[in-house]
Amino acid sequence: MARYIPALLALFLLSGCSLFSKSGGKGGYGLPPVPISLLTLEDTSLAEEISLLGEGRSRSDSSLNSLTTGVVSQLLVDVGDEVTAGQAVAYLDGTDQRIALAEAE
């Protein structure tokens, strides 16, 4: 009897497979076919313009100190300009210093 079990098992498996074949019955588990449509892709350029308002701030601020006091007679740089060490950024009116020098002599 044990010899026939593998043969019977194979027979049941093969007969079960025929239930889902497309040759008979509903096939595909009884679901209707789904309509599809195909599209052809085309290269296009997308141009989108966005106007935004905002405020920019620097990551760091630097303070500028002078060795002497006086009135600024000429400003050589604007806000946001890059400067290097030792570069002149402004000229001071030297009238007060000339008067002080003349009095000291």
Protein backbone atom coordinates (compact mmCIF):
# COMPACT_ATOMS: atom_id res chain seq x y z
CA MET A 1 0.00 0.00 0.00
CA ALA A 2 2.89 2.37 0.80
CA ARG A 3 4.09 1.91 -2.79
CA TYR A 4 0.91 3.45 -4.19
CA ILE A 5 0.89 6.63 -2.05
CA PRO A 6 3.43 8.56 -4.19
CA ALA A 7 1.60 7.54 -7.36
CA LEU A 8 -1.78 8.62 -5.97
CA LEU A 9 -0.31 11.91 -4.74
CA ALA A 10 1.11 12.63 -8.21
CA LEU A 11 -2.26 11.80 -9.79
CA PHE A 12 -4.09 14.24 -7.51
CA LEU A 13 -1.55 16.98 -8.17
CA LEU A 14 -1.77 16.59 -11.94
CA SER A 15 -5.56 16.55 -11.92
CA GLY A 16 -5.62 19.68 -9.75
CA CYS A 17 -3.42 21.56 -12.22
CA SER A 18 -5.94 21.06 -15.00
CA LEU A 19 -8.51 23.13 -13.08
CA PHE A 20 -6.48 26.28 -13.66
CA SER A 21 -5.57 25.73 -17.29
CA LYS A 22 -6.64 28.30 -19.90
CA SER A 23 -8.08 25.75 -22.27
CA GLY A 24 -11.30 25.27 -20.35
CA GLY A 25 -13.35 26.92 -17.66
CA LYS A 26 -13.06 30.56 -16.73
CA GLY A 27 -9.28 30.58 -16.39
CA GLY A 28 -7.39 33.33 -14.63
CA TYR A 29 -9.41 32.80 -11.48
CA GLY A 30 -12.58 34.13 -13.09
CA LEU A 31 -11.43 37.76 -13.37
CA PRO A 32 -12.29 39.74 -16.51
CA PRO A 33 -9.41 41.01 -18.63
CA VAL A 34 -8.17 44.49 -17.78
CA PRO A 35 -7.99 46.97 -20.68
CA ILE A 36 -4.67 48.75 -21.06
CA SER A 37 -3.50 51.67 -23.15
CA LEU A 38 0.01 52.51 -24.31
CA LEU A 39 1.53 55.96 -24.62
CA THR A 40 4.60 57.10 -26.49
CA LEU A 41 6.92 59.22 -24.35
CA GLU A 42 8.35 62.40 -25.82
CA ASP A 43 11.14 64.65 -24.62
CA THR A 44 9.88 68.09 -23.69
CA SER A 45 11.36 70.98 -21.78
CA LEU A 46 9.51 72.23 -18.76
CA ALA A 47 9.90 75.90 -18.00
CA GLU A 48 8.46 76.96 -14.69
CA GLU A 49 9.17 80.36 -13.25
CA ILE A 50 8.70 81.06 -9.58
CA SER A 51 9.04 84.48 -7.97
CA LEU A 52 9.80 84.44 -4.27
CA LEU A 53 10.53 87.08 -1.67
CA GLY A 54 13.09 86.47 1.02
CA GLU A 55 15.81 87.87 3.17
CA GLY A 56 19.42 86.80 3.06
CA ARG A 57 21.75 86.91 6.03
CA SER A 58 25.43 86.18 6.30
CA ARG A 59 26.73 83.39 8.49
CA SER A 60 29.08 85.72 10.27
CA ASP A 61 29.49 89.44 10.85
CA SER A 62 32.70 91.37 11.27
CA SER A 63 33.20 94.59 13.13
CA LEU A 64 35.62 97.24 11.97
CA ASN A 65 37.59 99.40 14.38
CA SER A 66 39.93 102.28 13.68
CA LEU A 67 43.02 103.22 15.67
CA THR A 68 41.99 106.88 15.59
CA THR A 69 38.74 108.80 15.67
CA GLY A 70 37.51 111.09 12.93
CA VAL A 71 34.95 111.77 10.28
CA VAL A 72 34.87 109.41 7.31
CA SER A 73 35.74 111.41 4.21
CA GLN A 74 35.60 108.59 1.66
CA LEU A 75 34.19 105.06 1.79
CA LEU A 76 36.02 102.66 -0.53
CA VAL A 77 33.83 99.53 -0.24
CA ASP A 78 30.13 98.73 -0.16
CA VAL A 79 28.20 96.39 2.10
CA GLY A 80 28.75 92.82 0.91
CA ASP A 81 32.11 93.47 -0.79
CA GLU A 82 34.90 91.04 0.00
CA VAL A 83 37.99 92.60 1.53
CA THR A 84 41.41 91.28 2.42
CA ALA A 85 43.57 91.89 5.45
CA GLY A 86 45.29 95.27 5.26
CA GLN A 87 43.01 96.63 2.54
CA ALA A 88 41.86 100.24 3.06
CA VAL A 89 38.08 100.45 3.38
CA ALA A 90 37.68 104.15 4.23
CA TYR A 91 39.61 107.40 4.54
CA LEU A 92 39.21 109.64 7.59
CA ASP A 93 39.32 113.43 7.51
CA GLY A 94 42.76 114.27 8.95
CA THR A 95 42.05 117.85 10.02
CA ASP A 96 41.81 117.03 13.74
CA GLN A 97 45.05 115.04 13.65
CA ARG A 98 46.92 117.83 11.82
CA ILE A 99 45.76 120.39 14.41
CA ALA A 100 46.80 118.09 17.27
CA LEU A 101 50.22 117.57 15.64
CA ALA A 102 50.75 121.32 15.17
CA GLU A 103 49.87 121.98 18.82
CA ALA A 104 52.24 119.26 19.99
CA GLU A 105 55.18 120.77 18.09
